[in-house]
Amino acid sequence: MSKKAKQSREEPIDSEWVVEADYYARRCGPTHDEALKLIKDAIPPKPVAHVAGKGKDR
């Protein structure tokens, strides 16, 4: 049996981001999708919690 390919899941779009993207698109001129991408890129990613004691160097 072969392994299944990992599917990349995008995070669900927050409704506040959609409203902000609509406003920015109307005021500044980019398309809705471009404005949403700009907002998503501007927000830093969530920190990843590391499990202690699971490294190779232990």
PDB file of N, CA and C in Angstrom:
ATOM      1  N   MET A   1       0.839  -1.181   0.000  1.00  0.00           N
ATOM      2  CA  MET A   1       0.000   0.000   0.000  1.00  0.00           C
ATOM      3  C   MET A   1       0.884   1.245   0.000  1.00  0.00           C
ATOM      4  N   SER A   2       0.461   2.218  -0.702  1.00  0.00           N
ATOM      5  CA  SER A   2       1.212   3.469  -0.728  1.00  0.00           C
ATOM      6  C   SER A   2       0.630   4.449   0.285  1.00  0.00           C
ATOM      7  N   LYS A   3       1.481   5.376   0.678  1.00  0.00           N
ATOM      8  CA  LYS A   3       1.046   6.376   1.640  1.00  0.00           C
ATOM      9  C   LYS A   3       0.215   7.443   0.944  1.00  0.00           C
ATOM     10  N   LYS A   4      -0.723   7.983   1.675  1.00  0.00           N
ATOM     11  CA  LYS A   4      -1.528   9.079   1.142  1.00  0.00           C
ATOM     12  C   LYS A   4      -0.722  10.363   1.199  1.00  0.00           C
ATOM     13  N   ALA A   5      -0.874  11.178   0.197  1.00  0.00           N
ATOM     14  CA  ALA A   5      -0.197  12.471   0.186  1.00  0.00           C
ATOM     15  C   ALA A   5      -0.833  13.385   1.225  1.00  0.00           C
ATOM     16  N   LYS A   6       0.003  14.163   1.903  1.00  0.00           N
ATOM     17  CA  LYS A   6      -0.523  15.095   2.883  1.00  0.00           C
ATOM     18  C   LYS A   6      -1.246  16.220   2.164  1.00  0.00           C
ATOM     19  N   GLN A   7      -2.416  16.531   2.643  1.00  0.00           N
ATOM     20  CA  GLN A   7      -3.195  17.606   2.054  1.00  0.00           C
ATOM     21  C   GLN A   7      -2.943  18.881   2.830  1.00  0.00           C
ATOM     22  N   SER A   8      -2.630  19.926   2.104  1.00  0.00           N
ATOM     23  CA  SER A   8      -2.412  21.201   2.794  1.00  0.00           C
ATOM     24  C   SER A   8      -3.770  21.845   3.047  1.00  0.00           C
ATOM     25  N   ARG A   9      -4.019  22.130   4.316  1.00  0.00           N
ATOM     26  CA  ARG A   9      -5.272  22.783   4.682  1.00  0.00           C
ATOM     27  C   ARG A   9      -4.997  24.235   4.980  1.00  0.00           C
ATOM     28  N   GLU A  10      -5.795  25.087   4.408  1.00  0.00           N
ATOM     29  CA  GLU A  10      -5.695  26.496   4.734  1.00  0.00           C
ATOM     30  C   GLU A  10      -6.603  26.774   5.921  1.00  0.00           C
ATOM     31  N   GLU A  11      -6.184  27.733   6.729  1.00  0.00           N
ATOM     32  CA  GLU A  11      -7.007  28.103   7.873  1.00  0.00           C
ATOM     33  C   GLU A  11      -8.286  28.754   7.373  1.00  0.00           C
ATOM     34  N   PRO A  12      -9.397  28.540   8.065  1.00  0.00           N
ATOM     35  CA  PRO A  12     -10.631  29.205   7.652  1.00  0.00           C
ATOM     36  C   PRO A  12     -10.476  30.721   7.750  1.00  0.00           C
ATOM     37  N   ILE A  13     -11.086  31.402   6.837  1.00  0.00           N
ATOM     38  CA  ILE A  13     -10.977  32.859   6.787  1.00  0.00           C
ATOM     39  C   ILE A  13     -11.887  33.461   7.852  1.00  0.00           C
ATOM     40  N   ASP A  14     -11.310  34.295   8.677  1.00  0.00           N
ATOM     41  CA  ASP A  14     -12.043  34.951   9.749  1.00  0.00           C
ATOM     42  C   ASP A  14     -12.975  36.000   9.131  1.00  0.00           C
ATOM     43  N   SER A  15     -14.192  36.098   9.645  1.00  0.00           N
ATOM     44  CA  SER A  15     -15.163  37.038   9.078  1.00  0.00           C
ATOM     45  C   SER A  15     -14.706  38.484   9.228  1.00  0.00           C
ATOM     46  N   GLU A  16     -13.950  38.774  10.289  1.00  0.00           N
ATOM     47  CA  GLU A  16     -13.419  40.127  10.454  1.00  0.00           C
ATOM     48  C   GLU A  16     -12.431  40.465   9.346  1.00  0.00           C
ATOM     49  N   TRP A  17     -11.658  39.469   8.905  1.00  0.00           N
ATOM     50  CA  TRP A  17     -10.703  39.691   7.820  1.00  0.00           C
ATOM     51  C   TRP A  17     -11.445  40.001   6.521  1.00  0.00           C
ATOM     52  N   VAL A  18     -12.564  39.322   6.304  1.00  0.00           N
ATOM     53  CA  VAL A  18     -13.334  39.535   5.088  1.00  0.00           C
ATOM     54  C   VAL A  18     -13.896  40.953   5.059  1.00  0.00           C
ATOM     55  N   VAL A  19     -14.425  41.394   6.179  1.00  0.00           N
ATOM     56  CA  VAL A  19     -14.976  42.750   6.270  1.00  0.00           C
ATOM     57  C   VAL A  19     -13.873  43.779   6.053  1.00  0.00           C
ATOM     58  N   GLU A  20     -12.723  43.563   6.696  1.00  0.00           N
ATOM     59  CA  GLU A  20     -11.605  44.491   6.544  1.00  0.00           C
ATOM     60  C   GLU A  20     -11.075  44.491   5.112  1.00  0.00           C
ATOM     61  N   ALA A  21     -11.028  43.322   4.481  1.00  0.00           N
ATOM     62  CA  ALA A  21     -10.562  43.232   3.093  1.00  0.00           C
ATOM     63  C   ALA A  21     -11.527  43.948   2.154  1.00  0.00           C
ATOM     64  N   ASP A  22     -12.829  43.819   2.403  1.00  0.00           N
ATOM     65  CA  ASP A  22     -13.821  44.525   1.580  1.00  0.00           C
ATOM     66  C   ASP A  22     -13.644  46.034   1.691  1.00  0.00           C
ATOM     67  N   TYR A  23     -13.467  46.505   2.906  1.00  0.00           N
ATOM     68  CA  TYR A  23     -13.283  47.938   3.129  1.00  0.00           C
ATOM     69  C   TYR A  23     -12.007  48.430   2.451  1.00  0.00           C
ATOM     70  N   TYR A  24     -10.915  47.701   2.665  1.00  0.00           N
ATOM     71  CA  TYR A  24      -9.631  48.099   2.078  1.00  0.00           C
ATOM     72  C   TYR A  24      -9.702  48.080   0.548  1.00  0.00           C
ATOM     73  N   ALA A  25     -10.385  47.091  -0.009  1.00  0.00           N
ATOM     74  CA  ALA A  25     -10.511  46.996  -1.464  1.00  0.00           C
ATOM     75  C   ALA A  25     -11.301  48.180  -2.025  1.00  0.00           C
ATOM     76  N   ARG A  26     -12.346  48.587  -1.314  1.00  0.00           N
ATOM     77  CA  ARG A  26     -13.137  49.736  -1.779  1.00  0.00           C
ATOM     78  C   ARG A  26     -12.347  51.030  -1.684  1.00  0.00           C
ATOM     79  N   ARG A  27     -11.618  51.210  -0.584  1.00  0.00           N
ATOM     80  CA  ARG A  27     -10.924  52.476  -0.333  1.00  0.00           C
ATOM     81  C   ARG A  27      -9.634  52.624  -1.128  1.00  0.00           C
ATOM     82  N   CYS A  28      -8.879  51.530  -1.279  1.00  0.00           N
ATOM     83  CA  CYS A  28      -7.522  51.634  -1.832  1.00  0.00           C
ATOM     84  C   CYS A  28      -7.362  51.071  -3.242  1.00  0.00           C
ATOM     85  N   GLY A  29      -8.317  50.293  -3.722  1.00  0.00           N
ATOM     86  CA  GLY A  29      -8.281  49.871  -5.111  1.00  0.00           C
ATOM     87  C   GLY A  29      -7.882  48.449  -5.444  1.00  0.00           C
ATOM     88  N   PRO A  30      -7.243  47.675  -4.550  1.00  0.00           N
ATOM     89  CA  PRO A  30      -6.927  46.294  -4.951  1.00  0.00           C
ATOM     90  C   PRO A  30      -8.200  45.449  -4.999  1.00  0.00           C
ATOM     91  N   THR A  31      -8.095  44.289  -5.600  1.00  0.00           N
ATOM     92  CA  THR A  31      -9.254  43.396  -5.617  1.00  0.00           C
ATOM     93  C   THR A  31      -9.467  42.837  -4.209  1.00  0.00           C
ATOM     94  N   HIS A  32     -10.625  42.233  -4.001  1.00  0.00           N
ATOM     95  CA  HIS A  32     -10.945  41.644  -2.696  1.00  0.00           C
ATOM     96  C   HIS A  32      -9.920  40.570  -2.339  1.00  0.00           C
ATOM     97  N   ASP A  33      -9.571  39.710  -3.290  1.00  0.00           N
ATOM     98  CA  ASP A  33      -8.618  38.636  -3.029  1.00  0.00           C
ATOM     99  C   ASP A  33      -7.229  39.174  -2.699  1.00  0.00           C
ATOM    100  N   GLU A  34      -6.798  40.214  -3.416  1.00  0.00           N
ATOM    101  CA  GLU A  34      -5.496  40.820  -3.136  1.00  0.00           C
ATOM    102  C   GLU A  34      -5.477  41.447  -1.742  1.00  0.00           C
ATOM    103  N   ALA A  35      -6.546  42.123  -1.379  1.00  0.00           N
ATOM    104  CA  ALA A  35      -6.629  42.752  -0.059  1.00  0.00           C
ATOM    105  C   ALA A  35      -6.615  41.693   1.043  1.00  0.00           C
ATOM    106  N   LEU A  36      -7.323  40.602   0.843  1.00  0.00           N
ATOM    107  CA  LEU A  36      -7.351  39.523   1.831  1.00  0.00           C
ATOM    108  C   LEU A  36      -5.970  38.893   1.972  1.00  0.00           C
ATOM    109  N   LYS A  37      -5.262  38.712   0.878  1.00  0.00           N
ATOM    110  CA  LYS A  37      -3.914  38.161   0.926  1.00  0.00           C
ATOM    111  C   LYS A  37      -2.971  39.106   1.673  1.00  0.00           C
ATOM    112  N   LEU A  38      -3.100  40.409   1.433  1.00  0.00           N
ATOM    113  CA  LEU A  38      -2.264  41.380   2.138  1.00  0.00           C
ATOM    114  C   LEU A  38      -2.500  41.317   3.649  1.00  0.00           C
ATOM    115  N   ILE A  39      -3.753  41.191   4.040  1.00  0.00           N
ATOM    116  CA  ILE A  39      -4.086  41.127   5.464  1.00  0.00           C
ATOM    117  C   ILE A  39      -3.544  39.839   6.078  1.00  0.00           C
ATOM    118  N   LYS A  40      -3.713  38.711   5.383  1.00  0.00           N
ATOM    119  CA  LYS A  40      -3.220  37.440   5.899  1.00  0.00           C
ATOM    120  C   LYS A  40      -1.706  37.440   6.022  1.00  0.00           C
ATOM    121  N   ASP A  41      -1.001  38.068   5.074  1.00  0.00           N
ATOM    122  CA  ASP A  41       0.459  38.124   5.118  1.00  0.00           C
ATOM    123  C   ASP A  41       0.951  39.046   6.221  1.00  0.00           C
ATOM    124  N   ALA A  42       0.162  40.054   6.572  1.00  0.00           N
ATOM    125  CA  ALA A  42       0.579  41.031   7.577  1.00  0.00           C
ATOM    126  C   ALA A  42       0.437  40.499   9.003  1.00  0.00           C
ATOM    127  N   ILE A  43      -0.425  39.521   9.211  1.00  0.00           N
ATOM    128  CA  ILE A  43      -0.650  38.973  10.538  1.00  0.00           C
ATOM    129  C   ILE A  43       0.382  37.873  10.793  1.00  0.00           C
ATOM    130  N   PRO A  44       1.143  37.955  11.892  1.00  0.00           N
ATOM    131  CA  PRO A  44       2.167  36.939  12.162  1.00  0.00           C
ATOM    132  C   PRO A  44       1.529  35.580  12.429  1.00  0.00           C
ATOM    133  N   PRO A  45       2.234  34.497  12.079  1.00  0.00           N
ATOM    134  CA  PRO A  45       1.683  33.162  12.334  1.00  0.00           C
ATOM    135  C   PRO A  45       1.605  32.870  13.825  1.00  0.00           C
ATOM    136  N   LYS A  46       0.708  31.970  14.179  1.00  0.00           N
ATOM    137  CA  LYS A  46       0.549  31.589  15.579  1.00  0.00           C
ATOM    138  C   LYS A  46       1.766  30.764  16.013  1.00  0.00           C
ATOM    139  N   PRO A  47       2.253  30.967  17.235  1.00  0.00           N
ATOM    140  CA  PRO A  47       3.412  30.192  17.697  1.00  0.00           C
ATOM    141  C   PRO A  47       3.047  28.721  17.864  1.00  0.00           C
ATOM    142  N   VAL A  48       4.029  27.862  17.599  1.00  0.00           N
ATOM    143  CA  VAL A  48       3.820  26.424  17.709  1.00  0.00           C
ATOM    144  C   VAL A  48       4.338  25.977  19.064  1.00  0.00           C
ATOM    145  N   ALA A  49       3.529  25.231  19.772  1.00  0.00           N
ATOM    146  CA  ALA A  49       3.930  24.725  21.091  1.00  0.00           C
ATOM    147  C   ALA A  49       4.809  23.499  20.902  1.00  0.00           C
ATOM    148  N   HIS A  50       5.979  23.519  21.502  1.00  0.00           N
ATOM    149  CA  HIS A  50       6.897  22.394  21.411  1.00  0.00           C
ATOM    150  C   HIS A  50       6.742  21.507  22.643  1.00  0.00           C
ATOM    151  N   VAL A  51       6.809  20.205  22.423  1.00  0.00           N
ATOM    152  CA  VAL A  51       6.702  19.262  23.520  1.00  0.00           C
ATOM    153  C   VAL A  51       8.101  19.051  24.091  1.00  0.00           C
ATOM    154  N   ALA A  52       8.266  19.238  25.378  1.00  0.00           N
ATOM    155  CA  ALA A  52       9.573  19.087  26.028  1.00  0.00           C
ATOM    156  C   ALA A  52       9.956  17.607  26.110  1.00  0.00           C
ATOM    157  N   GLY A  53      11.225  17.337  25.865  1.00  0.00           N
ATOM    158  CA  GLY A  53      11.727  15.972  26.018  1.00  0.00           C
ATOM    159  C   GLY A  53      11.536  15.083  24.813  1.00  0.00           C
ATOM    160  N   LYS A  54      11.196  15.613  23.671  1.00  0.00           N
ATOM    161  CA  LYS A  54      10.967  14.794  22.487  1.00  0.00           C
ATOM    162  C   LYS A  54      12.057  14.963  21.434  1.00  0.00           C
ATOM    163  N   GLY A  55      13.170  15.617  21.765  1.00  0.00           N
ATOM    164  CA  GLY A  55      14.233  15.868  20.806  1.00  0.00           C
ATOM    165  C   GLY A  55      15.232  14.731  20.715  1.00  0.00           C
ATOM    166  N   LYS A  56      16.097  14.754  19.678  1.00  0.00           N
ATOM    167  CA  LYS A  56      17.116  13.723  19.503  1.00  0.00           C
ATOM    168  C   LYS A  56      18.260  13.877  20.496  1.00  0.00           C
ATOM    169  N   ASP A  57      18.539  15.095  20.923  1.00  0.00           N
ATOM    170  CA  ASP A  57      19.702  15.357  21.760  1.00  0.00           C
ATOM    171  C   ASP A  57      19.511  14.955  23.228  1.00  0.00           C
ATOM    172  N   ARG A  58      18.431  14.354  23.583  1.00  0.00           N
ATOM    173  CA  ARG A  58      18.211  13.937  24.973  1.00  0.00           C
ATOM    174  C   ARG A  58      18.803  12.598  25.227  1.00  0.00           C
TER     175      ARG A  58
END
